[in-house]
N, C-alpha and C. Protein backbone atom coordinates (compact mmCIF):
# COMPACT_ATOMS: atom_id res chain seq x y z
N MET A 1 -20.60 -15.70 25.79
CA MET A 1 -19.14 -15.72 25.80
C MET A 1 -18.62 -15.82 27.23
N GLU A 2 -19.23 -15.07 28.16
CA GLU A 2 -18.76 -15.07 29.53
C GLU A 2 -18.98 -16.41 30.20
N ALA A 3 -19.99 -17.17 29.72
CA ALA A 3 -20.25 -18.48 30.31
C ALA A 3 -19.16 -19.47 29.96
N ASP A 4 -18.50 -19.24 28.83
CA ASP A 4 -17.46 -20.16 28.36
C ASP A 4 -16.06 -19.75 28.78
N HIS A 5 -15.87 -18.47 29.10
CA HIS A 5 -14.55 -17.95 29.41
C HIS A 5 -14.54 -17.26 30.78
N PRO A 6 -13.46 -17.43 31.54
CA PRO A 6 -13.36 -16.75 32.84
C PRO A 6 -13.19 -15.25 32.65
N THR A 7 -13.47 -14.50 33.69
CA THR A 7 -13.33 -13.05 33.63
C THR A 7 -12.47 -12.57 34.78
N ILE A 8 -11.77 -11.47 34.54
CA ILE A 8 -11.01 -10.77 35.57
C ILE A 8 -11.38 -9.30 35.46
N GLY A 9 -12.04 -8.78 36.49
CA GLY A 9 -12.47 -7.39 36.44
C GLY A 9 -13.41 -7.15 35.27
N GLU A 10 -13.06 -6.19 34.44
CA GLU A 10 -13.89 -5.83 33.29
C GLU A 10 -13.52 -6.61 32.03
N TYR A 11 -12.63 -7.60 32.17
CA TYR A 11 -12.12 -8.30 30.99
C TYR A 11 -12.49 -9.78 30.97
N THR A 12 -12.80 -10.27 29.78
CA THR A 12 -13.06 -11.69 29.56
C THR A 12 -11.81 -12.31 28.95
N LEU A 13 -11.31 -13.38 29.56
CA LEU A 13 -10.11 -14.04 29.06
C LEU A 13 -10.50 -14.95 27.90
N THR A 14 -9.95 -14.69 26.72
CA THR A 14 -10.36 -15.45 25.54
C THR A 14 -9.42 -16.60 25.21
N CYS A 15 -8.11 -16.42 25.43
CA CYS A 15 -7.18 -17.52 25.19
C CYS A 15 -5.85 -17.24 25.88
N LYS A 16 -5.12 -18.30 26.17
CA LYS A 16 -3.82 -18.18 26.81
C LYS A 16 -2.75 -17.92 25.76
N LEU A 17 -1.92 -16.89 25.99
CA LEU A 17 -0.86 -16.55 25.06
C LEU A 17 0.48 -17.16 25.45
N GLY A 18 0.70 -17.34 26.73
CA GLY A 18 1.97 -17.88 27.20
C GLY A 18 2.05 -17.77 28.71
N GLY A 19 3.21 -18.10 29.23
CA GLY A 19 3.35 -18.03 30.68
C GLY A 19 4.69 -18.53 31.15
N GLY A 20 4.92 -18.41 32.45
CA GLY A 20 6.15 -18.86 33.06
C GLY A 20 5.87 -19.54 34.38
N SER A 21 6.88 -19.56 35.25
CA SER A 21 6.73 -20.27 36.52
C SER A 21 5.77 -19.59 37.48
N SER A 22 5.61 -18.27 37.33
CA SER A 22 4.76 -17.56 38.29
C SER A 22 3.72 -16.67 37.63
N SER A 23 3.60 -16.73 36.30
CA SER A 23 2.64 -15.85 35.64
C SER A 23 2.07 -16.48 34.38
N THR A 24 0.92 -15.98 33.97
CA THR A 24 0.26 -16.41 32.75
C THR A 24 -0.21 -15.17 32.00
N VAL A 25 0.00 -15.16 30.69
CA VAL A 25 -0.44 -14.02 29.87
C VAL A 25 -1.63 -14.46 29.04
N TRP A 26 -2.70 -13.68 29.12
CA TRP A 26 -3.94 -14.00 28.42
C TRP A 26 -4.27 -12.94 27.37
N LYS A 27 -4.90 -13.38 26.32
CA LYS A 27 -5.55 -12.45 25.41
C LYS A 27 -6.93 -12.20 26.01
N ALA A 28 -7.29 -10.94 26.17
CA ALA A 28 -8.55 -10.62 26.85
C ALA A 28 -9.30 -9.54 26.08
N GLU A 29 -10.58 -9.46 26.37
CA GLU A 29 -11.45 -8.50 25.69
C GLU A 29 -12.30 -7.76 26.72
N HIS A 30 -12.33 -6.44 26.60
CA HIS A 30 -13.14 -5.65 27.51
C HIS A 30 -14.61 -5.95 27.27
N ARG A 31 -15.34 -6.22 28.34
CA ARG A 31 -16.72 -6.68 28.20
C ARG A 31 -17.67 -5.61 27.67
N THR A 32 -17.29 -4.35 27.80
CA THR A 32 -18.16 -3.27 27.33
C THR A 32 -17.72 -2.72 25.98
N THR A 33 -16.43 -2.39 25.87
CA THR A 33 -15.94 -1.76 24.64
C THR A 33 -15.49 -2.75 23.58
N GLY A 34 -15.18 -3.99 24.00
CA GLY A 34 -14.69 -4.98 23.05
C GLY A 34 -13.21 -4.83 22.72
N LYS A 35 -12.52 -3.90 23.39
CA LYS A 35 -11.10 -3.69 23.13
C LYS A 35 -10.30 -4.92 23.51
N VAL A 36 -9.39 -5.34 22.60
CA VAL A 36 -8.56 -6.52 22.84
C VAL A 36 -7.24 -6.09 23.48
N VAL A 37 -6.86 -6.75 24.56
CA VAL A 37 -5.64 -6.40 25.29
C VAL A 37 -4.91 -7.68 25.69
N ALA A 38 -3.72 -7.51 26.24
CA ALA A 38 -2.99 -8.62 26.85
C ALA A 38 -3.04 -8.42 28.36
N LEU A 39 -3.40 -9.45 29.08
CA LEU A 39 -3.55 -9.36 30.52
C LEU A 39 -2.61 -10.37 31.18
N LYS A 40 -1.75 -9.88 32.05
CA LYS A 40 -0.77 -10.74 32.72
C LYS A 40 -1.25 -11.05 34.13
N GLN A 41 -1.44 -12.33 34.40
CA GLN A 41 -1.91 -12.80 35.70
C GLN A 41 -0.71 -13.36 36.47
N ILE A 42 -0.42 -12.78 37.63
CA ILE A 42 0.76 -13.15 38.40
C ILE A 42 0.36 -13.78 39.73
N ASP A 43 0.97 -14.91 40.05
CA ASP A 43 0.75 -15.58 41.32
C ASP A 43 1.73 -15.00 42.34
N LEU A 44 1.27 -14.05 43.13
CA LEU A 44 2.15 -13.35 44.07
C LEU A 44 2.72 -14.28 45.13
N LEU A 45 2.04 -15.38 45.41
CA LEU A 45 2.53 -16.32 46.42
C LEU A 45 3.82 -17.01 45.98
N LYS A 46 4.08 -17.01 44.67
CA LYS A 46 5.29 -17.65 44.16
C LYS A 46 6.46 -16.67 44.02
N LEU A 47 6.23 -15.41 44.39
CA LEU A 47 7.28 -14.41 44.26
C LEU A 47 7.97 -14.16 45.59
N THR A 48 9.30 -14.06 45.53
CA THR A 48 10.06 -13.65 46.71
C THR A 48 9.91 -12.15 46.89
N ARG A 49 10.38 -11.64 48.02
CA ARG A 49 10.28 -10.20 48.25
C ARG A 49 11.06 -9.43 47.19
N GLN A 50 12.22 -9.98 46.79
CA GLN A 50 13.02 -9.31 45.76
C GLN A 50 12.28 -9.26 44.43
N LEU A 51 11.63 -10.37 44.06
CA LEU A 51 10.88 -10.40 42.81
C LEU A 51 9.67 -9.46 42.85
N LYS A 52 9.06 -9.32 44.02
CA LYS A 52 7.94 -8.39 44.15
C LYS A 52 8.42 -6.96 43.94
N ASN A 53 9.61 -6.65 44.48
CA ASN A 53 10.17 -5.32 44.27
C ASN A 53 10.49 -5.08 42.79
N CYS A 54 11.02 -6.13 42.13
CA CYS A 54 11.31 -6.03 40.70
C CYS A 54 10.03 -5.82 39.90
N LEU A 55 8.96 -6.49 40.34
CA LEU A 55 7.67 -6.34 39.67
C LEU A 55 7.17 -4.91 39.77
N ASP A 56 7.31 -4.31 40.95
CA ASP A 56 6.89 -2.92 41.13
C ASP A 56 7.67 -2.00 40.19
N CYS A 57 8.99 -2.25 40.08
CA CYS A 57 9.83 -1.43 39.19
C CYS A 57 9.40 -1.60 37.74
N GLU A 58 9.10 -2.85 37.36
CA GLU A 58 8.69 -3.12 35.98
C GLU A 58 7.38 -2.41 35.65
N LEU A 59 6.43 -2.46 36.57
CA LEU A 59 5.14 -1.81 36.35
C LEU A 59 5.29 -0.30 36.24
N ASN A 60 6.13 0.27 37.10
CA ASN A 60 6.35 1.72 37.05
C ASN A 60 7.00 2.13 35.73
N PHE A 61 7.97 1.31 35.29
CA PHE A 61 8.67 1.63 34.04
C PHE A 61 7.74 1.52 32.83
N LEU A 62 7.02 0.41 32.73
CA LEU A 62 6.16 0.18 31.57
C LEU A 62 5.00 1.16 31.48
N SER A 63 4.59 1.70 32.61
CA SER A 63 3.49 2.66 32.60
C SER A 63 3.98 4.07 32.24
N SER A 64 5.30 4.28 32.28
CA SER A 64 5.82 5.62 32.02
C SER A 64 6.55 5.74 30.69
N VAL A 65 7.18 4.65 30.21
CA VAL A 65 7.97 4.72 28.98
C VAL A 65 7.05 4.71 27.77
N GLU A 66 7.48 5.40 26.72
CA GLU A 66 6.71 5.42 25.47
C GLU A 66 7.68 5.21 24.32
N HIS A 67 7.66 4.01 23.74
CA HIS A 67 8.56 3.66 22.65
C HIS A 67 7.88 2.62 21.78
N PRO A 68 8.00 2.72 20.44
CA PRO A 68 7.29 1.79 19.55
C PRO A 68 7.69 0.33 19.71
N ASN A 69 8.87 0.05 20.28
CA ASN A 69 9.32 -1.33 20.42
C ASN A 69 9.22 -1.86 21.84
N ILE A 70 8.54 -1.11 22.71
CA ILE A 70 8.32 -1.56 24.08
C ILE A 70 6.83 -1.52 24.36
N ILE A 71 6.28 -2.66 24.77
CA ILE A 71 4.85 -2.74 25.04
C ILE A 71 4.48 -1.78 26.17
N ARG A 72 3.45 -1.00 25.95
CA ARG A 72 3.03 0.01 26.92
C ARG A 72 2.02 -0.59 27.90
N LEU A 73 2.14 -0.19 29.16
CA LEU A 73 1.21 -0.63 30.19
C LEU A 73 0.30 0.52 30.58
N PHE A 74 -1.00 0.29 30.47
CA PHE A 74 -1.96 1.25 30.99
C PHE A 74 -2.55 0.59 32.24
N ASP A 75 -3.80 0.19 32.24
CA ASP A 75 -4.28 -0.68 33.31
C ASP A 75 -4.06 -2.13 32.91
N VAL A 76 -3.86 -2.34 31.59
CA VAL A 76 -3.51 -3.65 31.04
C VAL A 76 -2.44 -3.41 29.97
N PHE A 77 -1.92 -4.49 29.37
CA PHE A 77 -0.90 -4.35 28.33
C PHE A 77 -1.53 -4.17 26.96
N GLN A 78 -0.81 -3.45 26.09
CA GLN A 78 -1.20 -3.41 24.69
C GLN A 78 -1.10 -4.82 24.12
N PHE A 79 -2.04 -5.18 23.26
CA PHE A 79 -2.00 -6.50 22.62
C PHE A 79 -1.32 -6.39 21.26
N CYS A 80 -0.26 -7.18 21.06
CA CYS A 80 0.46 -7.21 19.78
C CYS A 80 0.12 -8.50 19.07
N ALA A 81 -0.63 -8.39 17.98
CA ALA A 81 -1.17 -9.57 17.32
C ALA A 81 -0.14 -10.35 16.51
N GLY A 82 1.03 -9.78 16.29
CA GLY A 82 2.01 -10.43 15.42
C GLY A 82 2.70 -11.64 16.01
N GLY A 83 2.57 -11.86 17.32
CA GLY A 83 3.25 -12.99 17.95
C GLY A 83 4.70 -12.65 18.27
N ASP A 84 5.44 -13.63 18.81
CA ASP A 84 6.84 -13.37 19.16
C ASP A 84 7.76 -13.77 18.00
N LEU A 85 9.05 -13.47 18.18
CA LEU A 85 10.01 -13.69 17.11
C LEU A 85 10.19 -15.17 16.80
N ALA A 86 10.15 -16.01 17.83
CA ALA A 86 10.29 -17.45 17.62
C ALA A 86 9.17 -17.98 16.73
N ALA A 87 7.95 -17.50 16.97
CA ALA A 87 6.81 -17.92 16.16
C ALA A 87 6.95 -17.43 14.72
N TYR A 88 7.49 -16.22 14.58
CA TYR A 88 7.68 -15.67 13.23
C TYR A 88 8.65 -16.53 12.43
N ILE A 89 9.77 -16.92 13.05
CA ILE A 89 10.75 -17.75 12.35
C ILE A 89 10.16 -19.12 12.05
N ARG A 90 9.41 -19.67 13.00
CA ARG A 90 8.79 -20.98 12.79
C ARG A 90 7.80 -20.95 11.63
N ASP A 91 7.05 -19.87 11.51
CA ASP A 91 6.02 -19.78 10.47
C ASP A 91 6.57 -19.37 9.11
N HIS A 92 7.63 -18.54 9.11
CA HIS A 92 8.12 -17.99 7.85
C HIS A 92 9.47 -18.54 7.41
N GLY A 93 10.18 -19.22 8.32
CA GLY A 93 11.52 -19.68 7.97
C GLY A 93 12.49 -18.51 7.96
N ARG A 94 13.61 -18.66 7.27
CA ARG A 94 14.60 -17.58 7.24
C ARG A 94 14.03 -16.38 6.49
N VAL A 95 14.55 -15.21 6.83
CA VAL A 95 14.05 -13.97 6.23
C VAL A 95 15.14 -13.32 5.40
N GLN A 96 14.75 -12.36 4.59
CA GLN A 96 15.73 -11.61 3.81
C GLN A 96 16.62 -10.80 4.74
N GLU A 97 17.80 -10.52 4.26
CA GLU A 97 18.78 -9.80 5.08
C GLU A 97 18.24 -8.46 5.57
N CYS A 98 17.54 -7.74 4.71
CA CYS A 98 17.03 -6.43 5.11
C CYS A 98 15.98 -6.56 6.22
N VAL A 99 15.22 -7.66 6.20
CA VAL A 99 14.23 -7.90 7.25
C VAL A 99 14.93 -8.22 8.57
N ALA A 100 15.98 -9.05 8.48
CA ALA A 100 16.76 -9.38 9.68
C ALA A 100 17.38 -8.12 10.28
N ARG A 101 17.85 -7.23 9.42
CA ARG A 101 18.44 -5.98 9.91
C ARG A 101 17.39 -5.13 10.64
N LYS A 102 16.19 -5.08 10.08
CA LYS A 102 15.11 -4.32 10.73
C LYS A 102 14.79 -4.89 12.11
N PHE A 103 14.74 -6.23 12.19
CA PHE A 103 14.47 -6.87 13.48
C PHE A 103 15.55 -6.51 14.49
N MET A 104 16.81 -6.57 14.07
CA MET A 104 17.90 -6.29 15.00
C MET A 104 17.88 -4.83 15.45
N LYS A 105 17.52 -3.94 14.55
CA LYS A 105 17.41 -2.54 14.94
C LYS A 105 16.31 -2.35 15.97
N GLN A 106 15.21 -3.07 15.79
CA GLN A 106 14.10 -2.96 16.73
C GLN A 106 14.46 -3.54 18.09
N ILE A 107 15.15 -4.69 18.08
CA ILE A 107 15.47 -5.37 19.32
C ILE A 107 16.49 -4.59 20.14
N VAL A 108 17.56 -4.13 19.47
CA VAL A 108 18.66 -3.53 20.21
C VAL A 108 18.79 -2.04 19.97
N GLY A 109 18.88 -1.64 18.71
CA GLY A 109 19.15 -0.25 18.41
C GLY A 109 18.12 0.69 18.98
N ALA A 110 16.94 0.15 19.32
CA ALA A 110 15.89 1.00 19.86
C ALA A 110 15.44 0.51 21.23
N GLY A 111 14.72 -0.63 21.25
CA GLY A 111 14.13 -1.11 22.49
C GLY A 111 15.12 -1.30 23.63
N LEU A 112 16.19 -2.09 23.40
CA LEU A 112 17.14 -2.36 24.48
C LEU A 112 17.95 -1.12 24.85
N GLU A 113 18.12 -0.21 23.89
CA GLU A 113 18.84 1.02 24.19
C GLU A 113 18.06 1.85 25.21
N VAL A 114 16.74 1.89 25.05
CA VAL A 114 15.90 2.61 26.00
C VAL A 114 15.96 1.94 27.37
N LEU A 115 15.90 0.59 27.38
CA LEU A 115 15.99 -0.13 28.65
C LEU A 115 17.32 0.15 29.33
N SER A 116 18.40 0.16 28.54
CA SER A 116 19.73 0.42 29.10
C SER A 116 19.80 1.81 29.71
N MET A 117 19.19 2.78 29.06
CA MET A 117 19.18 4.15 29.58
C MET A 117 18.49 4.23 30.93
N HIS A 118 17.50 3.33 31.13
CA HIS A 118 16.77 3.31 32.40
C HIS A 118 17.36 2.29 33.38
N HIS A 119 18.54 1.74 33.01
CA HIS A 119 19.24 0.76 33.86
C HIS A 119 18.37 -0.47 34.13
N ILE A 120 17.69 -0.93 33.07
CA ILE A 120 16.83 -2.11 33.18
C ILE A 120 17.33 -3.17 32.23
N LEU A 121 17.40 -4.42 32.71
CA LEU A 121 17.85 -5.54 31.90
C LEU A 121 16.65 -6.27 31.33
N HIS A 122 16.74 -6.68 30.06
CA HIS A 122 15.69 -7.49 29.44
C HIS A 122 15.65 -8.84 30.13
N ARG A 123 14.45 -9.30 30.50
CA ARG A 123 14.31 -10.53 31.27
C ARG A 123 14.89 -11.74 30.54
N ASP A 124 14.83 -11.75 29.19
CA ASP A 124 15.28 -12.91 28.42
C ASP A 124 16.69 -12.74 27.86
N LEU A 125 17.32 -11.59 28.10
CA LEU A 125 18.68 -11.38 27.64
C LEU A 125 19.55 -11.04 28.85
N LYS A 126 20.23 -12.05 29.40
CA LYS A 126 21.00 -11.87 30.61
C LYS A 126 22.25 -11.05 30.33
N PRO A 127 22.73 -10.27 31.31
CA PRO A 127 23.85 -9.35 31.08
C PRO A 127 25.12 -10.02 30.59
N GLU A 128 25.40 -11.26 31.05
CA GLU A 128 26.66 -11.90 30.66
C GLU A 128 26.59 -12.55 29.29
N VAL A 129 25.40 -12.73 28.75
CA VAL A 129 25.28 -13.41 27.45
C VAL A 129 24.38 -12.67 26.48
N ASP A 130 24.08 -11.41 26.75
CA ASP A 130 23.09 -10.74 25.92
C ASP A 130 23.53 -10.60 24.47
N MET A 131 24.80 -10.26 24.22
CA MET A 131 25.25 -10.11 22.85
C MET A 131 25.29 -11.46 22.14
N TRP A 132 25.67 -12.51 22.85
CA TRP A 132 25.64 -13.86 22.28
C TRP A 132 24.20 -14.23 21.90
N SER A 133 23.26 -13.94 22.78
CA SER A 133 21.85 -14.25 22.52
C SER A 133 21.35 -13.50 21.29
N LEU A 134 21.75 -12.25 21.15
CA LEU A 134 21.37 -11.47 19.98
C LEU A 134 21.96 -12.08 18.71
N GLY A 135 23.20 -12.55 18.83
CA GLY A 135 23.83 -13.20 17.69
C GLY A 135 23.09 -14.46 17.27
N ALA A 136 22.63 -15.23 18.26
CA ALA A 136 21.87 -16.45 17.96
C ALA A 136 20.55 -16.11 17.27
N ILE A 137 19.90 -15.04 17.72
CA ILE A 137 18.65 -14.60 17.08
C ILE A 137 18.93 -14.15 15.65
N PHE A 138 19.98 -13.36 15.48
CA PHE A 138 20.35 -12.84 14.16
C PHE A 138 20.66 -13.98 13.20
N PHE A 139 21.44 -14.95 13.68
CA PHE A 139 21.82 -16.09 12.84
C PHE A 139 20.57 -16.87 12.41
N GLU A 140 19.66 -17.11 13.35
CA GLU A 140 18.47 -17.89 13.02
C GLU A 140 17.55 -17.15 12.06
N LEU A 141 17.49 -15.83 12.18
CA LEU A 141 16.71 -15.04 11.23
C LEU A 141 17.26 -15.21 9.82
N LEU A 142 18.58 -15.20 9.69
CA LEU A 142 19.22 -15.27 8.38
C LEU A 142 19.17 -16.67 7.77
N ASN A 143 19.27 -17.70 8.63
CA ASN A 143 19.41 -19.07 8.13
C ASN A 143 18.16 -19.94 8.31
N GLY A 144 17.31 -19.57 9.26
CA GLY A 144 16.11 -20.37 9.50
C GLY A 144 16.33 -21.49 10.49
N TYR A 145 17.52 -21.58 11.07
CA TYR A 145 17.83 -22.59 12.08
C TYR A 145 18.87 -22.01 13.04
N PRO A 146 18.95 -22.51 14.28
CA PRO A 146 19.90 -21.97 15.25
C PRO A 146 21.34 -22.29 14.89
N PRO A 147 22.30 -21.50 15.38
CA PRO A 147 23.70 -21.72 15.03
C PRO A 147 24.28 -23.00 15.62
N PHE A 148 23.78 -23.42 16.75
CA PHE A 148 24.28 -24.63 17.41
C PHE A 148 23.11 -25.44 17.93
N ARG A 149 23.18 -26.75 17.72
CA ARG A 149 22.08 -27.61 18.14
C ARG A 149 22.59 -28.79 18.94
N GLY A 150 21.68 -29.41 19.67
CA GLY A 150 22.01 -30.58 20.48
C GLY A 150 20.80 -31.01 21.26
N ARG A 151 20.81 -32.25 21.71
CA ARG A 151 19.66 -32.77 22.45
C ARG A 151 19.61 -32.25 23.88
N THR A 152 20.76 -31.88 24.42
CA THR A 152 20.83 -31.36 25.79
C THR A 152 21.67 -30.09 25.80
N SER A 153 21.58 -29.35 26.90
CA SER A 153 22.38 -28.13 27.03
C SER A 153 23.86 -28.45 27.02
N VAL A 154 24.23 -29.57 27.62
CA VAL A 154 25.64 -29.98 27.66
C VAL A 154 26.15 -30.27 26.25
N GLN A 155 25.32 -30.95 25.46
CA GLN A 155 25.72 -31.27 24.09
C GLN A 155 25.84 -30.00 23.24
N ILE A 156 24.93 -29.06 23.44
CA ILE A 156 25.01 -27.79 22.71
C ILE A 156 26.30 -27.06 23.06
N LEU A 157 26.63 -27.04 24.35
CA LEU A 157 27.86 -26.38 24.80
C LEU A 157 29.09 -27.03 24.19
N ARG A 158 29.09 -28.35 24.13
CA ARG A 158 30.22 -29.06 23.51
C ARG A 158 30.33 -28.72 22.03
N ASN A 159 29.20 -28.64 21.36
CA ASN A 159 29.21 -28.31 19.93
C ASN A 159 29.71 -26.89 19.69
N ILE A 160 29.37 -25.99 20.61
CA ILE A 160 29.85 -24.61 20.50
C ILE A 160 31.37 -24.57 20.62
N LYS A 161 31.89 -25.25 21.63
CA LYS A 161 33.34 -25.24 21.88
C LYS A 161 34.11 -25.93 20.76
N ALA A 162 33.48 -26.91 20.11
CA ALA A 162 34.16 -27.66 19.06
C ALA A 162 34.07 -27.00 17.69
N SER A 163 33.23 -25.98 17.57
CA SER A 163 33.00 -25.37 16.25
C SER A 163 34.20 -24.54 15.82
N LEU A 164 34.50 -24.59 14.53
CA LEU A 164 35.58 -23.80 13.96
C LEU A 164 35.04 -22.59 13.20
N ARG A 165 33.79 -22.68 12.75
CA ARG A 165 33.16 -21.56 12.06
C ARG A 165 31.65 -21.70 12.18
N LEU A 166 30.95 -20.62 11.92
CA LEU A 166 29.50 -20.65 12.01
C LEU A 166 28.90 -21.44 10.84
N PRO A 167 27.89 -22.26 11.12
CA PRO A 167 27.29 -23.11 10.08
C PRO A 167 26.27 -22.37 9.22
N PHE A 168 26.73 -21.34 8.51
CA PHE A 168 25.83 -20.61 7.62
C PHE A 168 25.29 -21.54 6.53
N PHE A 169 24.07 -21.27 6.10
CA PHE A 169 23.49 -21.98 4.97
C PHE A 169 24.26 -21.56 3.72
N GLU A 170 25.07 -22.47 3.19
CA GLU A 170 26.03 -22.13 2.14
C GLU A 170 25.43 -21.39 0.94
N PRO A 171 24.24 -21.78 0.43
CA PRO A 171 23.71 -21.07 -0.74
C PRO A 171 23.45 -19.59 -0.53
N ILE A 172 23.26 -19.14 0.73
CA ILE A 172 22.94 -17.73 0.94
C ILE A 172 24.18 -16.88 1.20
N LEU A 173 25.32 -17.51 1.50
CA LEU A 173 26.51 -16.74 1.86
C LEU A 173 26.91 -15.71 0.80
N PRO A 174 26.92 -16.08 -0.50
CA PRO A 174 27.30 -15.08 -1.52
C PRO A 174 26.33 -13.91 -1.59
N GLN A 175 25.11 -14.11 -1.09
CA GLN A 175 24.09 -13.06 -1.16
C GLN A 175 24.16 -12.10 0.03
N LEU A 176 24.87 -12.49 1.08
CA LEU A 176 24.91 -11.68 2.30
C LEU A 176 25.93 -10.56 2.19
N HIS A 177 25.56 -9.41 2.71
CA HIS A 177 26.48 -8.28 2.78
C HIS A 177 27.65 -8.65 3.69
N PRO A 178 28.89 -8.29 3.33
CA PRO A 178 30.04 -8.61 4.19
C PRO A 178 29.86 -8.12 5.62
N GLY A 179 29.22 -6.96 5.77
CA GLY A 179 28.99 -6.43 7.11
C GLY A 179 28.04 -7.29 7.91
N CYS A 180 27.11 -7.94 7.23
CA CYS A 180 26.16 -8.83 7.89
C CYS A 180 26.88 -10.03 8.48
N VAL A 181 27.74 -10.65 7.68
CA VAL A 181 28.51 -11.81 8.14
C VAL A 181 29.45 -11.41 9.28
N ASP A 182 30.07 -10.24 9.14
CA ASP A 182 30.99 -9.75 10.17
C ASP A 182 30.26 -9.54 11.50
N LEU A 183 29.10 -8.89 11.45
CA LEU A 183 28.35 -8.62 12.67
C LEU A 183 27.91 -9.91 13.34
N CYS A 184 27.38 -10.84 12.56
CA CYS A 184 26.91 -12.11 13.11
C CYS A 184 28.07 -12.88 13.73
N SER A 185 29.21 -12.89 13.05
CA SER A 185 30.39 -13.61 13.54
C SER A 185 30.93 -13.00 14.83
N ARG A 186 30.92 -11.68 14.91
CA ARG A 186 31.44 -11.02 16.12
C ARG A 186 30.48 -11.16 17.30
N LEU A 187 29.19 -11.22 17.02
CA LEU A 187 28.22 -11.46 18.08
C LEU A 187 28.37 -12.86 18.66
N LEU A 188 28.72 -13.82 17.79
CA LEU A 188 28.82 -15.22 18.21
C LEU A 188 30.26 -15.67 18.39
N SER A 189 31.14 -14.73 18.70
CA SER A 189 32.52 -15.09 19.00
C SER A 189 32.56 -15.90 20.29
N ILE A 190 33.19 -17.07 20.25
CA ILE A 190 33.25 -17.93 21.43
C ILE A 190 34.05 -17.27 22.55
N ASP A 191 35.04 -16.48 22.18
CA ASP A 191 35.86 -15.76 23.17
C ASP A 191 35.13 -14.49 23.60
N PRO A 192 34.68 -14.39 24.85
CA PRO A 192 33.94 -13.20 25.31
C PRO A 192 34.73 -11.91 25.13
N GLU A 193 36.07 -12.00 25.21
CA GLU A 193 36.90 -10.81 25.07
C GLU A 193 36.85 -10.25 23.65
N LYS A 194 36.58 -11.12 22.68
CA LYS A 194 36.54 -10.70 21.28
C LYS A 194 35.12 -10.41 20.81
N ARG A 195 34.16 -10.74 21.64
CA ARG A 195 32.76 -10.54 21.26
C ARG A 195 32.43 -9.05 21.22
N ILE A 196 31.62 -8.65 20.27
CA ILE A 196 31.27 -7.25 20.10
C ILE A 196 30.47 -6.75 21.31
N SER A 197 30.71 -5.52 21.70
CA SER A 197 30.00 -4.94 22.84
C SER A 197 28.69 -4.31 22.37
N PHE A 198 27.86 -3.93 23.33
CA PHE A 198 26.58 -3.31 23.00
C PHE A 198 26.79 -2.01 22.22
N LYS A 199 27.72 -1.18 22.68
CA LYS A 199 27.97 0.10 22.02
C LYS A 199 28.53 -0.12 20.61
N GLU A 200 29.43 -1.10 20.48
CA GLU A 200 29.99 -1.41 19.16
C GLU A 200 28.90 -1.91 18.22
N PHE A 201 28.00 -2.70 18.77
CA PHE A 201 26.89 -3.21 17.96
C PHE A 201 26.06 -2.06 17.41
N CYS A 202 25.69 -1.12 18.27
CA CYS A 202 24.84 -0.01 17.86
C CYS A 202 25.51 0.85 16.80
N ARG A 203 26.86 0.87 16.80
CA ARG A 203 27.59 1.70 15.83
C ARG A 203 28.04 0.92 14.60
N HIS A 204 27.70 -0.37 14.53
CA HIS A 204 28.19 -1.19 13.42
C HIS A 204 27.63 -0.69 12.08
N ASP A 205 28.49 -0.68 11.07
CA ASP A 205 28.12 -0.14 9.76
C ASP A 205 26.93 -0.87 9.14
N PHE A 206 26.79 -2.16 9.42
CA PHE A 206 25.71 -2.93 8.80
C PHE A 206 24.34 -2.39 9.19
N LEU A 207 24.22 -1.90 10.43
CA LEU A 207 22.93 -1.38 10.90
C LEU A 207 22.66 0.02 10.36
N LYS A 208 23.67 0.63 9.75
CA LYS A 208 23.50 1.98 9.22
C LYS A 208 23.12 1.99 7.74
N ILE A 209 23.05 0.81 7.13
CA ILE A 209 22.70 0.73 5.72
C ILE A 209 21.30 1.28 5.49
N ASP A 210 21.17 2.15 4.52
CA ASP A 210 19.88 2.76 4.21
C ASP A 210 18.94 1.72 3.63
N GLU A 211 17.77 1.54 4.26
CA GLU A 211 16.81 0.54 3.80
C GLU A 211 16.32 0.84 2.38
N GLY A 212 16.38 2.09 1.98
CA GLY A 212 15.91 2.44 0.65
C GLY A 212 17.02 2.51 -0.38
N GLY A 213 18.23 2.10 0.05
CA GLY A 213 19.38 2.20 -0.84
C GLY A 213 19.65 0.93 -1.62
N ASP A 214 20.82 0.33 -1.39
CA ASP A 214 21.27 -0.83 -2.15
C ASP A 214 20.34 -2.02 -1.94
N LYS A 215 19.70 -2.50 -3.01
CA LYS A 215 18.74 -3.60 -2.93
C LYS A 215 19.39 -4.95 -3.19
N ARG A 216 20.69 -4.98 -3.45
CA ARG A 216 21.33 -6.25 -3.76
C ARG A 216 21.29 -7.20 -2.58
N PHE A 217 21.23 -6.65 -1.37
CA PHE A 217 21.28 -7.48 -0.18
C PHE A 217 19.93 -7.50 0.52
N CYS A 218 18.86 -7.35 -0.24
CA CYS A 218 17.52 -7.35 0.33
C CYS A 218 16.62 -8.29 -0.46
């Protein structure tokens, strides 16, 4: 196995999971114990001094926080075999409303709330558009496709500005809880002043629905 795969320290890199401009994430296996982990390889030469400082803060935070929706850092990262949310939607299509609600609770009601308490921003959810981004995720979970599409970013922006209502998949609308439609619509309000805030989101009635209660919307 080691002859076919590169190694870093005590770990053999088995496959590439993803990456960005300055880092690559690998699925790796400990050469002695066989434990499967996620290993993030960072090219420090591509980082500015500010990014290096941010990296130090991220490492300190991930090694100290303990939450079921935040990957824990020991000497390496915990490996989550389920893949990311985009892959889940691609493989399964739209999900039931109760499943979408569970995802949103995990993303915001728990994970991002902990990050907010530590004054840390999610790398993929920017402060000026985080609620909009959550709305786009929520919409795609419910419908199986994004709320706005286009070949370029400019075209997508034009389609957003020209839209009069969200393009829900019509056959599912009667099946959706009114609170679900309300939350999705408020998250994707084009007017930032009318868009729901993080605190309002966490207190929204739709997220308080008992998973073991009314099954009509599940």
